């Protein structure tokens, strides 16, 4: 299980990028995505999210109130402007 400090480092690496969570976990901590706990996912979700349209990791305050076309994934405010 990753510590809060490690999760913060992971969040900092993802924020503003289009890197995958899987690749970043492997690069930083040599662990598989499936080994990340539910609590760790929830911690990450408290700070950033991956936009379903553009693929960038954005701050949660940049999350649009509109859902993606599938109505299941979140998008960023920038993508909402172009929808």
PDB file of N, CA and C in Angstrom:
ATOM      1  N   UNK A   1       0.843  -1.183   0.000  1.00  0.00           N
ATOM      2  CA  UNK A   1       0.000   0.000   0.000  1.00  0.00           C
ATOM      3  C   UNK A   1       0.886   1.242   0.000  1.00  0.00           C
ATOM      4  N   UNK A   2       0.504   2.216  -0.823  1.00  0.00           N
ATOM      5  CA  UNK A   2       1.276   3.443  -0.913  1.00  0.00           C
ATOM      6  C   UNK A   2       0.945   4.380   0.243  1.00  0.00           C
ATOM      7  N   UNK A   3       1.938   5.114   0.679  1.00  0.00           N
ATOM      8  CA  UNK A   3       1.733   6.097   1.737  1.00  0.00           C
ATOM      9  C   UNK A   3       1.107   7.359   1.146  1.00  0.00           C
ATOM     10  N   UNK A   4       0.609   8.232   2.001  1.00  0.00           N
ATOM     11  CA  UNK A   4       0.042   9.497   1.559  1.00  0.00           C
ATOM     12  C   UNK A   4       1.087  10.317   0.812  1.00  0.00           C
ATOM     13  N   UNK A   5       2.305  10.306   1.291  1.00  0.00           N
ATOM     14  CA  UNK A   5       3.388  11.048   0.640  1.00  0.00           C
ATOM     15  C   UNK A   5       3.634  10.498  -0.777  1.00  0.00           C
ATOM     16  N   UNK A   6       3.598   9.187  -0.928  1.00  0.00           N
ATOM     17  CA  UNK A   6       3.783   8.577  -2.239  1.00  0.00           C
ATOM     18  C   UNK A   6       2.603   8.901  -3.168  1.00  0.00           C
ATOM     19  N   UNK A   7       1.406   8.877  -2.619  1.00  0.00           N
ATOM     20  CA  UNK A   7       0.230   9.226  -3.417  1.00  0.00           C
ATOM     21  C   UNK A   7       0.276  10.688  -3.848  1.00  0.00           C
ATOM     22  N   UNK A   8       0.736  11.567  -2.969  1.00  0.00           N
ATOM     23  CA  UNK A   8       0.875  12.986  -3.329  1.00  0.00           C
ATOM     24  C   UNK A   8       1.867  13.157  -4.475  1.00  0.00           C
ATOM     25  N   UNK A   9       2.953  12.407  -4.437  1.00  0.00           N
ATOM     26  CA  UNK A   9       3.948  12.452  -5.512  1.00  0.00           C
ATOM     27  C   UNK A   9       3.341  11.942  -6.820  1.00  0.00           C
ATOM     28  N   UNK A  10       2.549  10.903  -6.730  1.00  0.00           N
ATOM     29  CA  UNK A  10       1.866  10.355  -7.899  1.00  0.00           C
ATOM     30  C   UNK A  10       0.890  11.376  -8.487  1.00  0.00           C
ATOM     31  N   UNK A  11       0.125  12.024  -7.630  1.00  0.00           N
ATOM     32  CA  UNK A  11      -0.823  13.059  -8.061  1.00  0.00           C
ATOM     33  C   UNK A  11      -0.087  14.207  -8.736  1.00  0.00           C
ATOM     34  N   UNK A  12       1.036  14.634  -8.157  1.00  0.00           N
ATOM     35  CA  UNK A  12       1.820  15.718  -8.751  1.00  0.00           C
ATOM     36  C   UNK A  12       2.347  15.329 -10.133  1.00  0.00           C
ATOM     37  N   UNK A  13       2.714  14.069 -10.296  1.00  0.00           N
ATOM     38  CA  UNK A  13       3.230  13.596 -11.587  1.00  0.00           C
ATOM     39  C   UNK A  13       2.123  13.554 -12.643  1.00  0.00           C
ATOM     40  N   UNK A  14       0.924  13.206 -12.236  1.00  0.00           N
ATOM     41  CA  UNK A  14      -0.185  13.090 -13.182  1.00  0.00           C
ATOM     42  C   UNK A  14      -0.829  14.430 -13.515  1.00  0.00           C
ATOM     43  N   UNK A  15      -0.911  15.312 -12.541  1.00  0.00           N
ATOM     44  CA  UNK A  15      -1.601  16.604 -12.707  1.00  0.00           C
ATOM     45  C   UNK A  15      -1.064  17.346 -13.930  1.00  0.00           C
ATOM     46  N   UNK A  16      -1.994  17.737 -14.821  1.00  0.00           N
ATOM     47  CA  UNK A  16      -1.611  18.502 -16.004  1.00  0.00           C
ATOM     48  C   UNK A  16      -0.938  17.686 -17.085  1.00  0.00           C
ATOM     49  N   UNK A  17      -1.007  16.376 -16.981  1.00  0.00           N
ATOM     50  CA  UNK A  17      -0.397  15.523 -17.999  1.00  0.00           C
ATOM     51  C   UNK A  17      -1.468  14.637 -18.626  1.00  0.00           C
ATOM     52  N   UNK A  18      -1.065  13.896 -19.642  1.00  0.00           N
ATOM     53  CA  UNK A  18      -1.970  12.913 -20.226  1.00  0.00           C
ATOM     54  C   UNK A  18      -1.393  11.509 -20.070  1.00  0.00           C
ATOM     55  N   UNK A  19      -0.498  11.360 -19.104  1.00  0.00           N
ATOM     56  CA  UNK A  19       0.073  10.049 -18.793  1.00  0.00           C
ATOM     57  C   UNK A  19      -0.988   9.146 -18.194  1.00  0.00           C
ATOM     58  N   UNK A  20      -0.832   7.872 -18.404  1.00  0.00           N
ATOM     59  CA  UNK A  20      -1.790   6.949 -17.801  1.00  0.00           C
ATOM     60  C   UNK A  20      -1.393   6.674 -16.353  1.00  0.00           C
ATOM     61  N   UNK A  21      -2.389   6.398 -15.549  1.00  0.00           N
ATOM     62  CA  UNK A  21      -2.143   6.031 -14.159  1.00  0.00           C
ATOM     63  C   UNK A  21      -1.294   4.769 -14.106  1.00  0.00           C
ATOM     64  N   UNK A  22      -1.574   3.830 -14.989  1.00  0.00           N
ATOM     65  CA  UNK A  22      -0.847   2.569 -15.027  1.00  0.00           C
ATOM     66  C   UNK A  22       0.646   2.774 -15.253  1.00  0.00           C
ATOM     67  N   UNK A  23       0.984   3.587 -16.273  1.00  0.00           N
ATOM     68  CA  UNK A  23       2.399   3.833 -16.579  1.00  0.00           C
ATOM     69  C   UNK A  23       3.099   4.609 -15.472  1.00  0.00           C
ATOM     70  N   UNK A  24       2.407   5.562 -14.893  1.00  0.00           N
ATOM     71  CA  UNK A  24       3.004   6.367 -13.832  1.00  0.00           C
ATOM     72  C   UNK A  24       3.261   5.521 -12.591  1.00  0.00           C
ATOM     73  N   UNK A  25       2.330   4.656 -12.261  1.00  0.00           N
ATOM     74  CA  UNK A  25       2.540   3.750 -11.117  1.00  0.00           C
ATOM     75  C   UNK A  25       3.751   2.859 -11.340  1.00  0.00           C
ATOM     76  N   UNK A  26       3.870   2.332 -12.544  1.00  0.00           N
ATOM     77  CA  UNK A  26       4.996   1.460 -12.867  1.00  0.00           C
ATOM     78  C   UNK A  26       6.306   2.231 -12.825  1.00  0.00           C
ATOM     79  N   UNK A  27       6.308   3.439 -13.394  1.00  0.00           N
ATOM     80  CA  UNK A  27       7.528   4.254 -13.435  1.00  0.00           C
ATOM     81  C   UNK A  27       8.006   4.670 -12.055  1.00  0.00           C
ATOM     82  N   UNK A  28       7.081   5.098 -11.208  1.00  0.00           N
ATOM     83  CA  UNK A  28       7.453   5.627  -9.899  1.00  0.00           C
ATOM     84  C   UNK A  28       7.646   4.550  -8.835  1.00  0.00           C
ATOM     85  N   UNK A  29       6.783   3.550  -8.849  1.00  0.00           N
ATOM     86  CA  UNK A  29       6.782   2.611  -7.720  1.00  0.00           C
ATOM     87  C   UNK A  29       6.849   1.145  -8.120  1.00  0.00           C
ATOM     88  N   UNK A  30       6.948   0.863  -9.409  1.00  0.00           N
ATOM     89  CA  UNK A  30       7.042  -0.513  -9.907  1.00  0.00           C
ATOM     90  C   UNK A  30       5.916  -1.389  -9.366  1.00  0.00           C
ATOM     91  N   UNK A  31       4.715  -0.816  -9.309  1.00  0.00           N
ATOM     92  CA  UNK A  31       3.564  -1.613  -8.905  1.00  0.00           C
ATOM     93  C   UNK A  31       2.525  -1.594 -10.014  1.00  0.00           C
ATOM     94  N   UNK A  32       1.719  -2.615 -10.053  1.00  0.00           N
ATOM     95  CA  UNK A  32       0.688  -2.756 -11.058  1.00  0.00           C
ATOM     96  C   UNK A  32      -0.550  -1.974 -10.653  1.00  0.00           C
ATOM     97  N   UNK A  33      -1.248  -1.484 -11.647  1.00  0.00           N
ATOM     98  CA  UNK A  33      -2.481  -0.728 -11.428  1.00  0.00           C
ATOM     99  C   UNK A  33      -3.470  -1.515 -10.579  1.00  0.00           C
ATOM    100  N   UNK A  34      -3.564  -2.806 -10.794  1.00  0.00           N
ATOM    101  CA  UNK A  34      -4.523  -3.635 -10.062  1.00  0.00           C
ATOM    102  C   UNK A  34      -4.160  -3.777  -8.594  1.00  0.00           C
ATOM    103  N   UNK A  35      -2.933  -3.428  -8.241  1.00  0.00           N
ATOM    104  CA  UNK A  35      -2.504  -3.497  -6.837  1.00  0.00           C
ATOM    105  C   UNK A  35      -2.829  -2.226  -6.054  1.00  0.00           C
ATOM    106  N   UNK A  36      -3.322  -1.203  -6.737  1.00  0.00           N
ATOM    107  CA  UNK A  36      -3.671   0.046  -6.066  1.00  0.00           C
ATOM    108  C   UNK A  36      -4.983  -0.138  -5.304  1.00  0.00           C
ATOM    109  N   UNK A  37      -4.983   0.190  -4.053  1.00  0.00           N
ATOM    110  CA  UNK A  37      -6.162  -0.037  -3.207  1.00  0.00           C
ATOM    111  C   UNK A  37      -7.308   0.916  -3.561  1.00  0.00           C
ATOM    112  N   UNK A  38      -8.491   0.542  -3.155  1.00  0.00           N
ATOM    113  CA  UNK A  38      -9.668   1.396  -3.356  1.00  0.00           C
ATOM    114  C   UNK A  38      -9.473   2.722  -2.636  1.00  0.00           C
ATOM    115  N   UNK A  39      -8.889   2.667  -1.450  1.00  0.00           N
ATOM    116  CA  UNK A  39      -8.636   3.889  -0.684  1.00  0.00           C
ATOM    117  C   UNK A  39      -7.678   4.816  -1.425  1.00  0.00           C
ATOM    118  N   UNK A  40      -6.680   4.241  -2.082  1.00  0.00           N
ATOM    119  CA  UNK A  40      -5.730   5.046  -2.848  1.00  0.00           C
ATOM    120  C   UNK A  40      -6.430   5.702  -4.039  1.00  0.00           C
ATOM    121  N   UNK A  41      -7.287   4.956  -4.721  1.00  0.00           N
ATOM    122  CA  UNK A  41      -8.069   5.527  -5.824  1.00  0.00           C
ATOM    123  C   UNK A  41      -8.932   6.682  -5.327  1.00  0.00           C
ATOM    124  N   UNK A  42      -9.564   6.491  -4.185  1.00  0.00           N
ATOM    125  CA  UNK A  42     -10.420   7.539  -3.625  1.00  0.00           C
ATOM    126  C   UNK A  42      -9.605   8.769  -3.255  1.00  0.00           C
ATOM    127  N   UNK A  43      -8.414   8.557  -2.711  1.00  0.00           N
ATOM    128  CA  UNK A  43      -7.535   9.669  -2.350  1.00  0.00           C
ATOM    129  C   UNK A  43      -7.171  10.465  -3.606  1.00  0.00           C
ATOM    130  N   UNK A  44      -6.790   9.775  -4.665  1.00  0.00           N
ATOM    131  CA  UNK A  44      -6.442  10.438  -5.927  1.00  0.00           C
ATOM    132  C   UNK A  44      -7.646  11.212  -6.455  1.00  0.00           C
ATOM    133  N   UNK A  45      -8.817  10.578  -6.411  1.00  0.00           N
ATOM    134  CA  UNK A  45     -10.045  11.210  -6.902  1.00  0.00           C
ATOM    135  C   UNK A  45     -10.427  12.469  -6.133  1.00  0.00           C
ATOM    136  N   UNK A  46      -9.930  12.623  -4.922  1.00  0.00           N
ATOM    137  CA  UNK A  46     -10.204  13.833  -4.145  1.00  0.00           C
ATOM    138  C   UNK A  46      -9.458  15.047  -4.688  1.00  0.00           C
ATOM    139  N   UNK A  47      -8.427  14.813  -5.521  1.00  0.00           N
ATOM    140  CA  UNK A  47      -7.580  15.903  -6.001  1.00  0.00           C
ATOM    141  C   UNK A  47      -7.624  16.098  -7.513  1.00  0.00           C
ATOM    142  N   UNK A  48      -7.601  14.991  -8.270  1.00  0.00           N
ATOM    143  CA  UNK A  48      -7.539  15.081  -9.729  1.00  0.00           C
ATOM    144  C   UNK A  48      -8.480  14.061 -10.367  1.00  0.00           C
ATOM    145  N   UNK A  49      -8.776  14.300 -11.641  1.00  0.00           N
ATOM    146  CA  UNK A  49      -9.554  13.341 -12.421  1.00  0.00           C
ATOM    147  C   UNK A  49      -9.026  13.332 -13.845  1.00  0.00           C
ATOM    148  N   UNK A  50      -9.296  12.262 -14.551  1.00  0.00           N
ATOM    149  CA  UNK A  50      -8.869  12.124 -15.934  1.00  0.00           C
ATOM    150  C   UNK A  50     -10.059  12.447 -16.838  1.00  0.00           C
ATOM    151  N   UNK A  51      -9.933  13.496 -17.649  1.00  0.00           N
ATOM    152  CA  UNK A  51     -11.013  13.914 -18.537  1.00  0.00           C
ATOM    153  C   UNK A  51     -11.273  12.824 -19.583  1.00  0.00           C
ATOM    154  N   UNK A  52     -12.523  12.456 -19.731  1.00  0.00           N
ATOM    155  CA  UNK A  52     -12.908  11.394 -20.666  1.00  0.00           C
ATOM    156  C   UNK A  52     -12.736  11.808 -22.128  1.00  0.00           C
ATOM    157  N   UNK A  53     -12.670  13.107 -22.396  1.00  0.00           N
ATOM    158  CA  UNK A  53     -12.543  13.565 -23.782  1.00  0.00           C
ATOM    159  C   UNK A  53     -11.109  13.855 -24.176  1.00  0.00           C
ATOM    160  N   UNK A  54     -10.420  14.676 -23.411  1.00  0.00           N
ATOM    161  CA  UNK A  54      -9.067  15.078 -23.811  1.00  0.00           C
ATOM    162  C   UNK A  54      -7.970  14.205 -23.200  1.00  0.00           C
ATOM    163  N   UNK A  55      -8.289  13.479 -22.141  1.00  0.00           N
ATOM    164  CA  UNK A  55      -7.315  12.581 -21.533  1.00  0.00           C
ATOM    165  C   UNK A  55      -6.351  13.230 -20.561  1.00  0.00           C
ATOM    166  N   UNK A  56      -6.512  14.528 -20.303  1.00  0.00           N
ATOM    167  CA  UNK A  56      -5.633  15.224 -19.370  1.00  0.00           C
ATOM    168  C   UNK A  56      -6.100  15.006 -17.936  1.00  0.00           C
ATOM    169  N   UNK A  57      -5.159  14.987 -17.023  1.00  0.00           N
ATOM    170  CA  UNK A  57      -5.455  14.928 -15.590  1.00  0.00           C
ATOM    171  C   UNK A  57      -5.659  16.352 -15.114  1.00  0.00           C
ATOM    172  N   UNK A  58      -6.832  16.639 -14.603  1.00  0.00           N
ATOM    173  CA  UNK A  58      -7.215  17.986 -14.195  1.00  0.00           C
ATOM    174  C   UNK A  58      -7.539  18.020 -12.702  1.00  0.00           C
ATOM    175  N   UNK A  59      -7.492  19.223 -12.142  1.00  0.00           N
ATOM    176  CA  UNK A  59      -7.912  19.428 -10.760  1.00  0.00           C
ATOM    177  C   UNK A  59      -9.417  19.202 -10.672  1.00  0.00           C
ATOM    178  N   UNK A  60      -9.894  18.728  -9.536  1.00  0.00           N
ATOM    179  CA  UNK A  60     -11.331  18.461  -9.403  1.00  0.00           C
ATOM    180  C   UNK A  60     -12.167  19.735  -9.560  1.00  0.00           C
ATOM    181  N   UNK A  61     -11.604  20.900  -9.260  1.00  0.00           N
ATOM    182  CA  UNK A  61     -12.375  22.128  -9.433  1.00  0.00           C
ATOM    183  C   UNK A  61     -12.497  22.530 -10.908  1.00  0.00           C
ATOM    184  N   UNK A  62     -11.818  21.814 -11.797  1.00  0.00           N
ATOM    185  CA  UNK A  62     -11.936  22.041 -13.236  1.00  0.00           C
ATOM    186  C   UNK A  62     -12.923  21.067 -13.885  1.00  0.00           C
ATOM    187  N   UNK A  63     -13.613  20.286 -13.063  1.00  0.00           N
ATOM    188  CA  UNK A  63     -14.551  19.293 -13.565  1.00  0.00           C
ATOM    189  C   UNK A  63     -15.840  19.974 -14.013  1.00  0.00           C
ATOM    190  N   UNK A  64     -16.279  19.631 -15.205  1.00  0.00           N
ATOM    191  CA  UNK A  64     -17.527  20.162 -15.725  1.00  0.00           C
ATOM    192  C   UNK A  64     -18.700  19.490 -15.033  1.00  0.00           C
ATOM    193  N   UNK A  65     -19.797  20.205 -14.960  1.00  0.00           N
ATOM    194  CA  UNK A  65     -21.006  19.601 -14.408  1.00  0.00           C
ATOM    195  C   UNK A  65     -21.687  18.718 -15.444  1.00  0.00           C
ATOM    196  N   UNK A  66     -21.268  18.869 -16.694  1.00  0.00           N
ATOM    197  CA  UNK A  66     -21.808  18.057 -17.782  1.00  0.00           C
ATOM    198  C   UNK A  66     -21.043  16.734 -17.847  1.00  0.00           C
ATOM    199  N   UNK A  67     -21.736  15.660 -18.124  1.00  0.00           N
ATOM    200  CA  UNK A  67     -21.094  14.362 -18.272  1.00  0.00           C
ATOM    201  C   UNK A  67     -20.757  14.127 -19.738  1.00  0.00           C
ATOM    202  N   UNK A  68     -19.918  13.132 -19.987  1.00  0.00           N
ATOM    203  CA  UNK A  68     -19.571  12.782 -21.356  1.00  0.00           C
ATOM    204  C   UNK A  68     -20.804  12.251 -22.086  1.00  0.00           C
ATOM    205  N   UNK A  69     -20.653  12.000 -23.373  1.00  0.00           N
ATOM    206  CA  UNK A  69     -21.768  11.503 -24.176  1.00  0.00           C
ATOM    207  C   UNK A  69     -22.342  10.200 -23.621  1.00  0.00           C
ATOM    208  N   UNK A  70     -21.500   9.395 -23.007  1.00  0.00           N
ATOM    209  CA  UNK A  70     -21.958   8.134 -22.437  1.00  0.00           C
ATOM    210  C   UNK A  70     -22.649   8.327 -21.097  1.00  0.00           C
ATOM    211  N   UNK A  71     -22.620   9.560 -20.592  1.00  0.00           N
ATOM    212  CA  UNK A  71     -23.254   9.897 -19.317  1.00  0.00           C
ATOM    213  C   UNK A  71     -22.676   9.124 -18.135  1.00  0.00           C
ATOM    214  N   UNK A  72     -21.464   8.636 -18.287  1.00  0.00           N
ATOM    215  CA  UNK A  72     -20.853   7.880 -17.192  1.00  0.00           C
ATOM    216  C   UNK A  72     -19.495   8.423 -16.779  1.00  0.00           C
ATOM    217  N   UNK A  73     -18.896   9.258 -17.603  1.00  0.00           N
ATOM    218  CA  UNK A  73     -17.559   9.755 -17.309  1.00  0.00           C
ATOM    219  C   UNK A  73     -17.558  11.277 -17.244  1.00  0.00           C
ATOM    220  N   UNK A  74     -16.638  11.804 -16.469  1.00  0.00           N
ATOM    221  CA  UNK A  74     -16.564  13.254 -16.312  1.00  0.00           C
ATOM    222  C   UNK A  74     -15.631  13.868 -17.349  1.00  0.00           C
ATOM    223  N   UNK A  75     -15.891  15.137 -17.654  1.00  0.00           N
ATOM    224  CA  UNK A  75     -15.055  15.889 -18.580  1.00  0.00           C
ATOM    225  C   UNK A  75     -14.640  17.195 -17.908  1.00  0.00           C
ATOM    226  N   UNK A  76     -13.615  17.811 -18.458  1.00  0.00           N
ATOM    227  CA  UNK A  76     -13.123  19.077 -17.908  1.00  0.00           C
ATOM    228  C   UNK A  76     -13.909  20.252 -18.497  1.00  0.00           C
ATOM    229  N   UNK A  77     -13.786  21.396 -17.857  1.00  0.00           N
ATOM    230  CA  UNK A  77     -14.481  22.596 -18.314  1.00  0.00           C
ATOM    231  C   UNK A  77     -14.047  23.009 -19.712  1.00  0.00           C
ATOM    232  N   UNK A  78     -12.768  22.820 -20.055  1.00  0.00           N
ATOM    233  CA  UNK A  78     -12.288  23.185 -21.384  1.00  0.00           C
ATOM    234  C   UNK A  78     -12.986  22.371 -22.461  1.00  0.00           C
ATOM    235  N   UNK A  79     -13.150  21.068 -22.215  1.00  0.00           N
ATOM    236  CA  UNK A  79     -13.833  20.222 -23.201  1.00  0.00           C
ATOM    237  C   UNK A  79     -15.314  20.576 -23.284  1.00  0.00           C
ATOM    238  N   UNK A  80     -15.896  20.991 -22.192  1.00  0.00           N
ATOM    239  CA  UNK A  80     -17.302  21.396 -22.210  1.00  0.00           C
ATOM    240  C   UNK A  80     -17.512  22.576 -23.153  1.00  0.00           C
ATOM    241  N   UNK A  81     -16.534  23.486 -23.220  1.00  0.00           N
ATOM    242  CA  UNK A  81     -16.629  24.645 -24.101  1.00  0.00           C
ATOM    243  C   UNK A  81     -16.743  24.246 -25.560  1.00  0.00           C
ATOM    244  N   UNK A  82     -16.160  23.098 -25.915  1.00  0.00           N
ATOM    245  CA  UNK A  82     -16.138  22.651 -27.305  1.00  0.00           C
ATOM    246  C   UNK A  82     -17.166  21.577 -27.605  1.00  0.00           C
ATOM    247  N   UNK A  83     -18.024  21.299 -26.658  1.00  0.00           N
ATOM    248  CA  UNK A  83     -19.023  20.232 -26.889  1.00  0.00           C
ATOM    249  C   UNK A  83     -20.293  20.786 -27.492  1.00  0.00           C
TER     250      UNK A  83
END
